[in-house]
Amino acid sequence: MEGERPNFEPAGAGAVLMSGVGVGVGAGALIGWAAGSVGYGVLAGAIAGVPMGVYAVYRRYRGAI
């Protein structure tokens, strides 16, 4: 007997993506603040957070599509 296939929820996927980006931006801001430039930290965090969010969506919904 096969397990039930998870449902793909676009709103849920968007929330997971935004959470990943938010975590990246927050971590980047903290690192940038410690290094002396919050703006560059936020930028670097956003750049790193997008792939992190995409990977989180992939991991969450990999069996749905």
N, C-alpha and C. Protein backbone atom coordinates (compact mmCIF):
# COMPACT_ATOMS: atom_id res chain seq x y z
N MET A 1 0.83 -1.17 0.00
CA MET A 1 0.00 0.00 0.00
C MET A 1 0.89 1.24 0.00
N GLU A 2 0.65 2.10 -0.94
CA GLU A 2 1.45 3.32 -1.05
C GLU A 2 0.93 4.40 -0.12
N GLY A 3 1.86 5.27 0.33
CA GLY A 3 1.46 6.40 1.18
C GLY A 3 0.73 7.45 0.37
N GLU A 4 0.02 8.29 1.06
CA GLU A 4 -0.71 9.35 0.40
C GLU A 4 0.25 10.42 -0.11
N ARG A 5 0.01 10.87 -1.30
CA ARG A 5 0.84 11.91 -1.90
C ARG A 5 0.50 13.26 -1.27
N PRO A 6 1.53 14.04 -0.85
CA PRO A 6 1.22 15.34 -0.24
C PRO A 6 0.62 16.32 -1.24
N ASN A 7 -0.28 17.16 -0.76
CA ASN A 7 -0.91 18.16 -1.62
C ASN A 7 0.00 19.36 -1.78
N PHE A 8 -0.02 19.93 -2.98
CA PHE A 8 0.73 21.15 -3.22
C PHE A 8 -0.17 22.33 -2.92
N GLU A 9 0.25 23.18 -2.00
CA GLU A 9 -0.51 24.36 -1.62
C GLU A 9 0.32 25.60 -1.97
N PRO A 10 -0.09 26.37 -2.99
CA PRO A 10 0.70 27.53 -3.39
C PRO A 10 0.90 28.54 -2.26
N ALA A 11 -0.11 28.77 -1.43
CA ALA A 11 0.05 29.73 -0.33
C ALA A 11 1.07 29.20 0.68
N GLY A 12 1.03 27.92 0.94
CA GLY A 12 1.99 27.32 1.85
C GLY A 12 3.40 27.38 1.29
N ALA A 13 3.54 27.13 -0.01
CA ALA A 13 4.85 27.21 -0.64
C ALA A 13 5.39 28.64 -0.59
N GLY A 14 4.52 29.62 -0.78
CA GLY A 14 4.95 31.02 -0.69
C GLY A 14 5.38 31.38 0.72
N ALA A 15 4.68 30.85 1.71
CA ALA A 15 5.05 31.13 3.10
C ALA A 15 6.39 30.50 3.44
N VAL A 16 6.63 29.29 2.96
CA VAL A 16 7.92 28.64 3.21
C VAL A 16 9.04 29.41 2.51
N LEU A 17 8.79 29.85 1.29
CA LEU A 17 9.78 30.62 0.55
C LEU A 17 10.10 31.93 1.25
N MET A 18 9.08 32.65 1.68
CA MET A 18 9.30 33.92 2.37
C MET A 18 9.98 33.72 3.72
N SER A 19 9.69 32.63 4.38
CA SER A 19 10.36 32.32 5.64
C SER A 19 11.85 32.10 5.43
N GLY A 20 12.19 31.37 4.37
CA GLY A 20 13.60 31.14 4.06
C GLY A 20 14.33 32.43 3.74
N VAL A 21 13.70 33.28 2.97
CA VAL A 21 14.31 34.57 2.63
C VAL A 21 14.41 35.44 3.89
N GLY A 22 13.38 35.42 4.72
CA GLY A 22 13.41 36.21 5.95
C GLY A 22 14.51 35.76 6.90
N VAL A 23 14.69 34.47 7.02
CA VAL A 23 15.77 33.95 7.87
C VAL A 23 17.12 34.38 7.31
N GLY A 24 17.27 34.30 5.99
CA GLY A 24 18.53 34.73 5.37
C GLY A 24 18.81 36.20 5.59
N VAL A 25 17.80 37.03 5.43
CA VAL A 25 17.96 38.48 5.62
C VAL A 25 18.27 38.79 7.08
N GLY A 26 17.58 38.13 7.99
CA GLY A 26 17.84 38.35 9.41
C GLY A 26 19.25 37.95 9.81
N ALA A 27 19.68 36.79 9.35
CA ALA A 27 21.04 36.35 9.66
C ALA A 27 22.07 37.28 9.03
N GLY A 28 21.80 37.69 7.80
CA GLY A 28 22.72 38.62 7.13
C GLY A 28 22.79 39.96 7.84
N ALA A 29 21.65 40.44 8.35
CA ALA A 29 21.64 41.70 9.08
C ALA A 29 22.46 41.60 10.36
N LEU A 30 22.33 40.48 11.06
CA LEU A 30 23.11 40.29 12.28
C LEU A 30 24.61 40.21 11.98
N ILE A 31 24.96 39.48 10.95
CA ILE A 31 26.37 39.37 10.58
C ILE A 31 26.89 40.71 10.09
N GLY A 32 26.09 41.42 9.30
CA GLY A 32 26.48 42.74 8.83
C GLY A 32 26.61 43.74 9.97
N TRP A 33 25.72 43.67 10.94
CA TRP A 33 25.81 44.55 12.10
C TRP A 33 27.10 44.29 12.88
N ALA A 34 27.44 43.01 13.03
CA ALA A 34 28.67 42.66 13.74
C ALA A 34 29.91 43.10 12.95
N ALA A 35 29.80 43.10 11.63
CA ALA A 35 30.94 43.47 10.78
C ALA A 35 30.99 44.98 10.52
N GLY A 36 29.91 45.70 10.84
CA GLY A 36 29.93 47.14 10.70
C GLY A 36 29.11 47.71 9.56
N SER A 37 28.40 46.87 8.81
CA SER A 37 27.59 47.37 7.70
C SER A 37 26.32 46.54 7.58
N VAL A 38 25.25 47.03 8.18
CA VAL A 38 23.99 46.29 8.17
C VAL A 38 23.43 46.17 6.75
N GLY A 39 23.56 47.23 5.96
CA GLY A 39 23.03 47.22 4.60
C GLY A 39 23.62 46.12 3.74
N TYR A 40 24.92 45.98 3.79
CA TYR A 40 25.57 44.92 3.01
C TYR A 40 25.20 43.54 3.55
N GLY A 41 25.03 43.45 4.85
CA GLY A 41 24.62 42.19 5.45
C GLY A 41 23.23 41.78 5.00
N VAL A 42 22.31 42.75 4.96
CA VAL A 42 20.95 42.46 4.49
C VAL A 42 20.98 42.04 3.02
N LEU A 43 21.76 42.71 2.22
CA LEU A 43 21.89 42.36 0.80
C LEU A 43 22.43 40.94 0.64
N ALA A 44 23.50 40.64 1.34
CA ALA A 44 24.09 39.30 1.25
C ALA A 44 23.10 38.25 1.78
N GLY A 45 22.38 38.59 2.84
CA GLY A 45 21.39 37.66 3.38
C GLY A 45 20.25 37.39 2.41
N ALA A 46 19.82 38.43 1.70
CA ALA A 46 18.76 38.24 0.70
C ALA A 46 19.24 37.37 -0.45
N ILE A 47 20.48 37.60 -0.87
CA ILE A 47 21.04 36.80 -1.96
C ILE A 47 21.17 35.34 -1.54
N ALA A 48 21.58 35.10 -0.32
CA ALA A 48 21.72 33.73 0.18
C ALA A 48 20.36 33.14 0.56
N GLY A 49 19.40 33.97 0.95
CA GLY A 49 18.11 33.49 1.41
C GLY A 49 17.21 32.97 0.30
N VAL A 50 17.34 33.50 -0.89
CA VAL A 50 16.49 33.05 -2.00
C VAL A 50 16.74 31.58 -2.32
N PRO A 51 17.99 31.15 -2.56
CA PRO A 51 18.19 29.72 -2.80
C PRO A 51 17.82 28.86 -1.59
N MET A 52 18.02 29.39 -0.40
CA MET A 52 17.66 28.65 0.80
C MET A 52 16.14 28.45 0.85
N GLY A 53 15.38 29.47 0.51
CA GLY A 53 13.92 29.35 0.47
C GLY A 53 13.44 28.41 -0.61
N VAL A 54 14.06 28.47 -1.78
CA VAL A 54 13.69 27.57 -2.88
C VAL A 54 13.96 26.13 -2.48
N TYR A 55 15.10 25.88 -1.84
CA TYR A 55 15.41 24.53 -1.40
C TYR A 55 14.42 24.05 -0.34
N ALA A 56 14.00 24.93 0.55
CA ALA A 56 13.03 24.56 1.58
C ALA A 56 11.69 24.18 0.94
N VAL A 57 11.27 24.92 -0.09
CA VAL A 57 10.02 24.58 -0.80
C VAL A 57 10.18 23.25 -1.50
N TYR A 58 11.32 23.02 -2.11
CA TYR A 58 11.57 21.75 -2.79
C TYR A 58 11.49 20.59 -1.80
N ARG A 59 12.13 20.74 -0.64
CA ARG A 59 12.11 19.67 0.36
C ARG A 59 10.70 19.42 0.88
N ARG A 60 9.93 20.49 1.05
CA ARG A 60 8.58 20.34 1.62
C ARG A 60 7.61 19.71 0.61
N TYR A 61 7.71 20.08 -0.65
CA TYR A 61 6.72 19.65 -1.64
C TYR A 61 7.31 18.75 -2.72
N ARG A 62 8.41 18.07 -2.45
CA ARG A 62 9.05 17.27 -3.49
C ARG A 62 8.20 16.11 -3.99
N GLY A 63 7.32 15.58 -3.19
CA GLY A 63 6.49 14.47 -3.64
C GLY A 63 5.15 14.90 -4.22
N ALA A 64 4.86 16.17 -4.22
CA ALA A 64 3.54 16.65 -4.65
C ALA A 64 3.45 16.84 -6.16
N ILE A 65 4.57 17.05 -6.80
CA ILE A 65 4.52 17.33 -8.25
C ILE A 65 5.08 16.16 -9.01
